[in-house]
N, C-alpha and C. Protein backbone atom coordinates (compact mmCIF):
# COMPACT_ATOMS: atom_id res chain seq x y z
N MET A 1 47.02 11.35 -5.60
CA MET A 1 46.45 11.76 -4.34
C MET A 1 45.08 12.41 -4.55
N ALA A 2 44.94 13.18 -5.61
CA ALA A 2 43.66 13.83 -5.91
C ALA A 2 42.59 12.80 -6.21
N ASP A 3 42.98 11.69 -6.86
CA ASP A 3 42.02 10.63 -7.17
C ASP A 3 41.46 10.01 -5.90
N VAL A 4 42.30 9.83 -4.90
CA VAL A 4 41.86 9.24 -3.63
C VAL A 4 40.86 10.17 -2.96
N GLU A 5 41.16 11.47 -2.96
CA GLU A 5 40.26 12.45 -2.35
C GLU A 5 38.91 12.48 -3.07
N ILE A 6 38.94 12.40 -4.38
CA ILE A 6 37.71 12.43 -5.17
C ILE A 6 36.86 11.21 -4.86
N LYS A 7 37.49 10.03 -4.78
CA LYS A 7 36.74 8.81 -4.48
C LYS A 7 36.12 8.88 -3.10
N VAL A 8 36.83 9.40 -2.14
CA VAL A 8 36.31 9.53 -0.77
C VAL A 8 35.12 10.47 -0.78
N GLU A 9 35.22 11.59 -1.52
CA GLU A 9 34.12 12.54 -1.60
C GLU A 9 32.91 11.90 -2.26
N GLU A 10 33.11 11.12 -3.33
CA GLU A 10 32.00 10.46 -4.01
C GLU A 10 31.32 9.46 -3.09
N GLU A 11 32.10 8.67 -2.36
CA GLU A 11 31.53 7.68 -1.45
C GLU A 11 30.73 8.35 -0.35
N SER A 12 31.24 9.46 0.19
CA SER A 12 30.50 10.14 1.26
C SER A 12 29.23 10.76 0.72
N ALA A 13 29.24 11.25 -0.52
CA ALA A 13 28.03 11.82 -1.11
C ALA A 13 26.97 10.74 -1.32
N GLU A 14 27.41 9.54 -1.76
CA GLU A 14 26.46 8.45 -1.94
C GLU A 14 25.88 8.01 -0.61
N LYS A 15 26.69 7.98 0.44
CA LYS A 15 26.21 7.60 1.76
C LYS A 15 25.22 8.61 2.29
N GLU A 16 25.41 9.89 1.97
CA GLU A 16 24.49 10.93 2.43
C GLU A 16 23.13 10.79 1.75
N LEU A 17 23.09 10.37 0.50
CA LEU A 17 21.83 10.22 -0.21
C LEU A 17 21.09 8.96 0.20
N ASN A 18 21.81 7.92 0.60
CA ASN A 18 21.17 6.65 0.93
C ASN A 18 20.13 6.77 2.03
N PRO A 19 20.35 7.50 3.11
CA PRO A 19 19.29 7.62 4.12
C PRO A 19 18.03 8.27 3.56
N PHE A 20 18.20 9.25 2.68
CA PHE A 20 17.04 9.89 2.07
C PHE A 20 16.28 8.89 1.19
N LEU A 21 17.00 8.14 0.38
CA LEU A 21 16.36 7.14 -0.48
C LEU A 21 15.70 6.06 0.36
N GLU A 22 16.35 5.68 1.44
CA GLU A 22 15.78 4.66 2.32
C GLU A 22 14.48 5.17 2.95
N ALA A 23 14.47 6.43 3.36
CA ALA A 23 13.25 7.02 3.94
C ALA A 23 12.14 7.07 2.90
N THR A 24 12.48 7.43 1.67
CA THR A 24 11.50 7.46 0.60
C THR A 24 10.94 6.07 0.35
N ARG A 25 11.81 5.08 0.36
CA ARG A 25 11.39 3.70 0.16
C ARG A 25 10.42 3.27 1.25
N LYS A 26 10.73 3.62 2.49
CA LYS A 26 9.86 3.26 3.61
C LYS A 26 8.48 3.91 3.49
N VAL A 27 8.46 5.16 3.04
CA VAL A 27 7.18 5.86 2.87
C VAL A 27 6.34 5.16 1.80
N LEU A 28 6.99 4.79 0.71
CA LEU A 28 6.26 4.11 -0.37
C LEU A 28 5.75 2.75 0.08
N LEU A 29 6.55 2.01 0.83
CA LEU A 29 6.12 0.71 1.35
C LEU A 29 4.97 0.88 2.34
N ALA A 30 5.01 1.94 3.13
CA ALA A 30 3.92 2.20 4.06
C ALA A 30 2.62 2.46 3.29
N GLY A 31 2.73 3.17 2.17
CA GLY A 31 1.56 3.41 1.32
C GLY A 31 0.96 2.12 0.80
N VAL A 32 1.83 1.21 0.39
CA VAL A 32 1.36 -0.10 -0.09
C VAL A 32 0.66 -0.85 1.04
N GLY A 33 1.23 -0.78 2.24
CA GLY A 33 0.62 -1.43 3.39
C GLY A 33 -0.74 -0.86 3.71
N VAL A 34 -0.90 0.44 3.60
CA VAL A 34 -2.19 1.08 3.86
C VAL A 34 -3.22 0.60 2.86
N VAL A 35 -2.84 0.49 1.61
CA VAL A 35 -3.77 0.01 0.58
C VAL A 35 -4.21 -1.42 0.88
N ALA A 36 -3.27 -2.27 1.25
CA ALA A 36 -3.61 -3.66 1.57
C ALA A 36 -4.54 -3.72 2.78
N LEU A 37 -4.25 -2.92 3.78
CA LEU A 37 -5.10 -2.89 4.98
C LEU A 37 -6.50 -2.40 4.64
N ALA A 38 -6.59 -1.38 3.81
CA ALA A 38 -7.90 -0.85 3.41
C ALA A 38 -8.70 -1.92 2.67
N GLN A 39 -8.03 -2.68 1.83
CA GLN A 39 -8.71 -3.75 1.09
C GLN A 39 -9.25 -4.80 2.06
N GLU A 40 -8.44 -5.19 3.02
CA GLU A 40 -8.87 -6.18 4.01
C GLU A 40 -10.07 -5.67 4.80
N GLU A 41 -10.04 -4.41 5.18
CA GLU A 41 -11.15 -3.83 5.95
C GLU A 41 -12.43 -3.78 5.10
N ALA A 42 -12.29 -3.44 3.83
CA ALA A 42 -13.45 -3.39 2.95
C ALA A 42 -14.06 -4.78 2.80
N GLU A 43 -13.20 -5.79 2.61
CA GLU A 43 -13.70 -7.16 2.48
C GLU A 43 -14.38 -7.62 3.77
N SER A 44 -13.81 -7.27 4.90
CA SER A 44 -14.40 -7.63 6.19
C SER A 44 -15.76 -6.96 6.36
N PHE A 45 -15.85 -5.70 5.99
CA PHE A 45 -17.11 -4.96 6.09
C PHE A 45 -18.19 -5.58 5.21
N VAL A 46 -17.84 -5.90 3.99
CA VAL A 46 -18.80 -6.51 3.06
C VAL A 46 -19.24 -7.88 3.59
N ASN A 47 -18.30 -8.66 4.11
CA ASN A 47 -18.65 -9.97 4.67
C ASN A 47 -19.61 -9.84 5.85
N LYS A 48 -19.42 -8.83 6.69
CA LYS A 48 -20.33 -8.59 7.81
C LYS A 48 -21.73 -8.23 7.31
N LEU A 49 -21.79 -7.42 6.26
CA LEU A 49 -23.10 -7.07 5.69
C LEU A 49 -23.81 -8.30 5.15
N VAL A 50 -23.05 -9.19 4.53
CA VAL A 50 -23.64 -10.44 4.00
C VAL A 50 -24.12 -11.30 5.16
N GLU A 51 -23.33 -11.42 6.21
CA GLU A 51 -23.71 -12.24 7.36
C GLU A 51 -24.98 -11.73 8.02
N ARG A 52 -25.13 -10.42 8.09
CA ARG A 52 -26.31 -9.83 8.72
C ARG A 52 -27.53 -9.85 7.80
N GLY A 53 -27.31 -10.22 6.57
CA GLY A 53 -28.42 -10.28 5.62
C GLY A 53 -28.76 -8.94 5.01
N GLU A 54 -27.93 -7.94 5.23
CA GLU A 54 -28.17 -6.61 4.67
C GLU A 54 -27.72 -6.52 3.21
N LEU A 55 -26.98 -7.53 2.78
CA LEU A 55 -26.46 -7.55 1.41
C LEU A 55 -26.44 -8.99 0.94
N ALA A 56 -26.93 -9.21 -0.27
CA ALA A 56 -26.94 -10.56 -0.81
C ALA A 56 -25.51 -11.03 -1.05
N GLU A 57 -25.29 -12.34 -0.90
CA GLU A 57 -23.94 -12.90 -1.06
C GLU A 57 -23.39 -12.60 -2.45
N LYS A 58 -24.25 -12.73 -3.44
CA LYS A 58 -23.84 -12.47 -4.83
C LYS A 58 -23.40 -11.01 -4.98
N ASP A 59 -24.19 -10.10 -4.40
CA ASP A 59 -23.85 -8.68 -4.48
C ASP A 59 -22.56 -8.38 -3.71
N GLY A 60 -22.37 -9.08 -2.60
CA GLY A 60 -21.15 -8.91 -1.81
C GLY A 60 -19.92 -9.32 -2.59
N ARG A 61 -20.00 -10.47 -3.27
CA ARG A 61 -18.86 -10.91 -4.08
C ARG A 61 -18.58 -9.91 -5.20
N GLN A 62 -19.64 -9.39 -5.81
CA GLN A 62 -19.47 -8.42 -6.90
C GLN A 62 -18.84 -7.13 -6.37
N LEU A 63 -19.28 -6.71 -5.19
CA LEU A 63 -18.73 -5.49 -4.60
C LEU A 63 -17.24 -5.66 -4.31
N ILE A 64 -16.86 -6.80 -3.74
CA ILE A 64 -15.44 -7.07 -3.47
C ILE A 64 -14.65 -7.11 -4.77
N LYS A 65 -15.24 -7.73 -5.80
CA LYS A 65 -14.58 -7.80 -7.11
C LYS A 65 -14.36 -6.39 -7.66
N ASP A 66 -15.37 -5.53 -7.52
CA ASP A 66 -15.25 -4.15 -8.00
C ASP A 66 -14.15 -3.39 -7.24
N ILE A 67 -14.09 -3.61 -5.93
CA ILE A 67 -13.06 -2.96 -5.12
C ILE A 67 -11.67 -3.40 -5.59
N LEU A 68 -11.51 -4.70 -5.81
CA LEU A 68 -10.21 -5.21 -6.26
C LEU A 68 -9.82 -4.65 -7.62
N GLU A 69 -10.80 -4.53 -8.52
CA GLU A 69 -10.50 -3.98 -9.85
C GLU A 69 -10.08 -2.52 -9.75
N LYS A 70 -10.76 -1.75 -8.91
CA LYS A 70 -10.41 -0.33 -8.76
C LYS A 70 -9.01 -0.20 -8.14
N ARG A 71 -8.70 -1.05 -7.16
CA ARG A 71 -7.39 -1.04 -6.54
C ARG A 71 -6.31 -1.40 -7.57
N LYS A 72 -6.60 -2.39 -8.40
CA LYS A 72 -5.64 -2.81 -9.42
C LYS A 72 -5.37 -1.67 -10.40
N LYS A 73 -6.44 -0.97 -10.82
CA LYS A 73 -6.27 0.16 -11.73
C LYS A 73 -5.45 1.28 -11.08
N ALA A 74 -5.70 1.52 -9.80
CA ALA A 74 -4.95 2.56 -9.09
C ALA A 74 -3.48 2.20 -9.01
N VAL A 75 -3.18 0.93 -8.74
CA VAL A 75 -1.79 0.48 -8.66
C VAL A 75 -1.12 0.62 -10.03
N GLU A 76 -1.84 0.26 -11.09
CA GLU A 76 -1.27 0.39 -12.44
C GLU A 76 -0.97 1.83 -12.77
N GLN A 77 -1.83 2.76 -12.35
CA GLN A 77 -1.58 4.17 -12.61
C GLN A 77 -0.34 4.65 -11.87
N VAL A 78 -0.18 4.20 -10.63
CA VAL A 78 0.99 4.58 -9.86
C VAL A 78 2.25 4.02 -10.50
N GLU A 79 2.18 2.79 -10.98
CA GLU A 79 3.35 2.16 -11.59
C GLU A 79 3.74 2.82 -12.90
N GLU A 80 2.77 3.49 -13.56
CA GLU A 80 3.08 4.14 -14.83
C GLU A 80 4.15 5.22 -14.65
N VAL A 81 4.07 5.93 -13.54
CA VAL A 81 5.09 6.92 -13.27
C VAL A 81 6.22 6.18 -12.57
N ASP A 82 7.30 6.02 -13.24
CA ASP A 82 8.43 5.23 -12.74
C ASP A 82 8.93 5.79 -11.42
N LEU A 83 9.25 4.92 -10.51
CA LEU A 83 9.73 5.31 -9.19
C LEU A 83 10.97 6.18 -9.29
N ASP A 84 11.87 5.81 -10.17
CA ASP A 84 13.10 6.59 -10.33
C ASP A 84 12.80 8.03 -10.75
N VAL A 85 11.82 8.19 -11.63
CA VAL A 85 11.46 9.53 -12.10
C VAL A 85 10.90 10.35 -10.94
N ARG A 86 10.06 9.71 -10.12
CA ARG A 86 9.49 10.43 -8.98
C ARG A 86 10.56 10.82 -7.99
N ILE A 87 11.48 9.92 -7.71
CA ILE A 87 12.56 10.24 -6.77
C ILE A 87 13.43 11.35 -7.33
N GLU A 88 13.70 11.28 -8.62
CA GLU A 88 14.52 12.33 -9.26
C GLU A 88 13.83 13.69 -9.14
N ARG A 89 12.52 13.72 -9.33
CA ARG A 89 11.77 14.98 -9.20
C ARG A 89 11.84 15.51 -7.77
N ILE A 90 11.70 14.61 -6.81
CA ILE A 90 11.76 15.03 -5.40
C ILE A 90 13.13 15.60 -5.08
N LEU A 91 14.17 14.90 -5.52
CA LEU A 91 15.53 15.37 -5.27
C LEU A 91 15.77 16.72 -5.93
N HIS A 92 15.22 16.90 -7.13
CA HIS A 92 15.37 18.17 -7.84
C HIS A 92 14.67 19.29 -7.07
N ARG A 93 13.47 19.01 -6.58
CA ARG A 93 12.73 20.03 -5.81
C ARG A 93 13.47 20.41 -4.54
N LEU A 94 14.12 19.43 -3.93
CA LEU A 94 14.87 19.70 -2.70
C LEU A 94 16.25 20.26 -2.98
N ASN A 95 16.57 20.42 -4.27
CA ASN A 95 17.86 20.96 -4.70
C ASN A 95 19.03 20.09 -4.24
N VAL A 96 18.82 18.78 -4.27
CA VAL A 96 19.88 17.82 -3.92
C VAL A 96 20.64 17.50 -5.20
N PRO A 97 21.96 17.63 -5.17
CA PRO A 97 22.74 17.36 -6.38
C PRO A 97 22.65 15.88 -6.78
N THR A 98 22.62 15.65 -8.08
CA THR A 98 22.58 14.28 -8.59
C THR A 98 24.00 13.72 -8.66
N LYS A 99 24.10 12.43 -8.92
CA LYS A 99 25.41 11.81 -9.06
C LYS A 99 26.16 12.44 -10.23
N ASN A 100 25.44 12.76 -11.30
CA ASN A 100 26.09 13.42 -12.45
C ASN A 100 26.66 14.78 -12.05
N ASP A 101 25.92 15.53 -11.23
CA ASP A 101 26.42 16.83 -10.76
C ASP A 101 27.69 16.64 -9.95
N ILE A 102 27.68 15.66 -9.06
CA ILE A 102 28.84 15.40 -8.22
C ILE A 102 30.03 14.94 -9.06
N ASP A 103 29.75 14.07 -10.05
CA ASP A 103 30.82 13.61 -10.95
C ASP A 103 31.43 14.77 -11.72
N ALA A 104 30.58 15.67 -12.21
CA ALA A 104 31.09 16.83 -12.97
C ALA A 104 31.95 17.71 -12.07
N LEU A 105 31.50 17.94 -10.85
CA LEU A 105 32.29 18.74 -9.92
C LEU A 105 33.61 18.05 -9.58
N SER A 106 33.56 16.75 -9.43
CA SER A 106 34.79 16.00 -9.13
C SER A 106 35.80 16.13 -10.27
N ARG A 107 35.32 16.06 -11.50
CA ARG A 107 36.21 16.23 -12.65
C ARG A 107 36.81 17.64 -12.67
N GLN A 108 35.99 18.63 -12.36
CA GLN A 108 36.48 20.01 -12.34
C GLN A 108 37.52 20.19 -11.23
N ILE A 109 37.26 19.60 -10.08
CA ILE A 109 38.22 19.70 -8.98
C ILE A 109 39.53 19.03 -9.35
N ALA A 110 39.44 17.87 -10.00
CA ALA A 110 40.65 17.16 -10.41
C ALA A 110 41.45 18.01 -11.41
N ALA A 111 40.75 18.63 -12.35
CA ALA A 111 41.43 19.46 -13.34
C ALA A 111 42.07 20.67 -12.67
N LEU A 112 41.37 21.29 -11.75
CA LEU A 112 41.92 22.46 -11.06
C LEU A 112 43.11 22.07 -10.18
N THR A 113 43.01 20.92 -9.54
CA THR A 113 44.11 20.44 -8.71
C THR A 113 45.36 20.22 -9.56
N GLU A 114 45.15 19.65 -10.72
CA GLU A 114 46.27 19.42 -11.63
C GLU A 114 46.90 20.74 -12.07
N LYS A 115 46.07 21.73 -12.36
CA LYS A 115 46.61 23.06 -12.76
C LYS A 115 47.37 23.72 -11.61
N VAL A 116 46.82 23.60 -10.41
CA VAL A 116 47.51 24.18 -9.26
C VAL A 116 48.85 23.51 -9.05
N ASP A 117 48.88 22.19 -9.17
CA ASP A 117 50.15 21.46 -9.03
C ASP A 117 51.16 21.91 -10.08
N GLN A 118 50.69 22.12 -11.31
CA GLN A 118 51.59 22.58 -12.38
C GLN A 118 52.12 23.97 -12.08
N LEU A 119 51.25 24.85 -11.57
CA LEU A 119 51.68 26.22 -11.26
C LEU A 119 52.66 26.22 -10.09
N ASN A 120 52.47 25.34 -9.14
CA ASN A 120 53.40 25.26 -8.00
C ASN A 120 54.77 24.77 -8.44
N LYS A 121 54.80 23.88 -9.42
CA LYS A 121 56.07 23.36 -9.94
C LYS A 121 56.79 24.41 -10.76
N GLY A 122 56.01 25.22 -11.52
CA GLY A 122 56.61 26.17 -12.44
C GLY A 122 56.91 27.47 -11.87
C-alpha cells in the first residue's frame, strides 16, 4: 500500500513540474523567434538601403553576411551552456525540489511507514 502512495506522490510531483518546464520551453522558443525576426528585419533594412542607392550591393551582402556570422556565434555561445544545466539552476534558485530530492524523501517515507507498521504489530 505504501508503494502505491509513493508512486502517486511521484506522479503528482512530476505533473507539477511539467507546467513550469513547459513555460520555460515557451520562453526559450520565443527568444529564438525574436532572433529570427530581428535577422529578417535587418536583412530587409539593408535591402532597402541598397534599393535606395545609399549602400552598394556588395557592401549590403557583406553586411548581411556579418550579421549572420554574429548571430551564429551568439547561438553557439548560448548552446554551450546546456539547457538542462540552466533549467536546473533556475529550479535551484526557486528552491524547487529535484526528482532526486523527491525520490530520497519517498524512500525515507517508505522506511518510516515500514517501521510504524512494525511498531503497530509489536
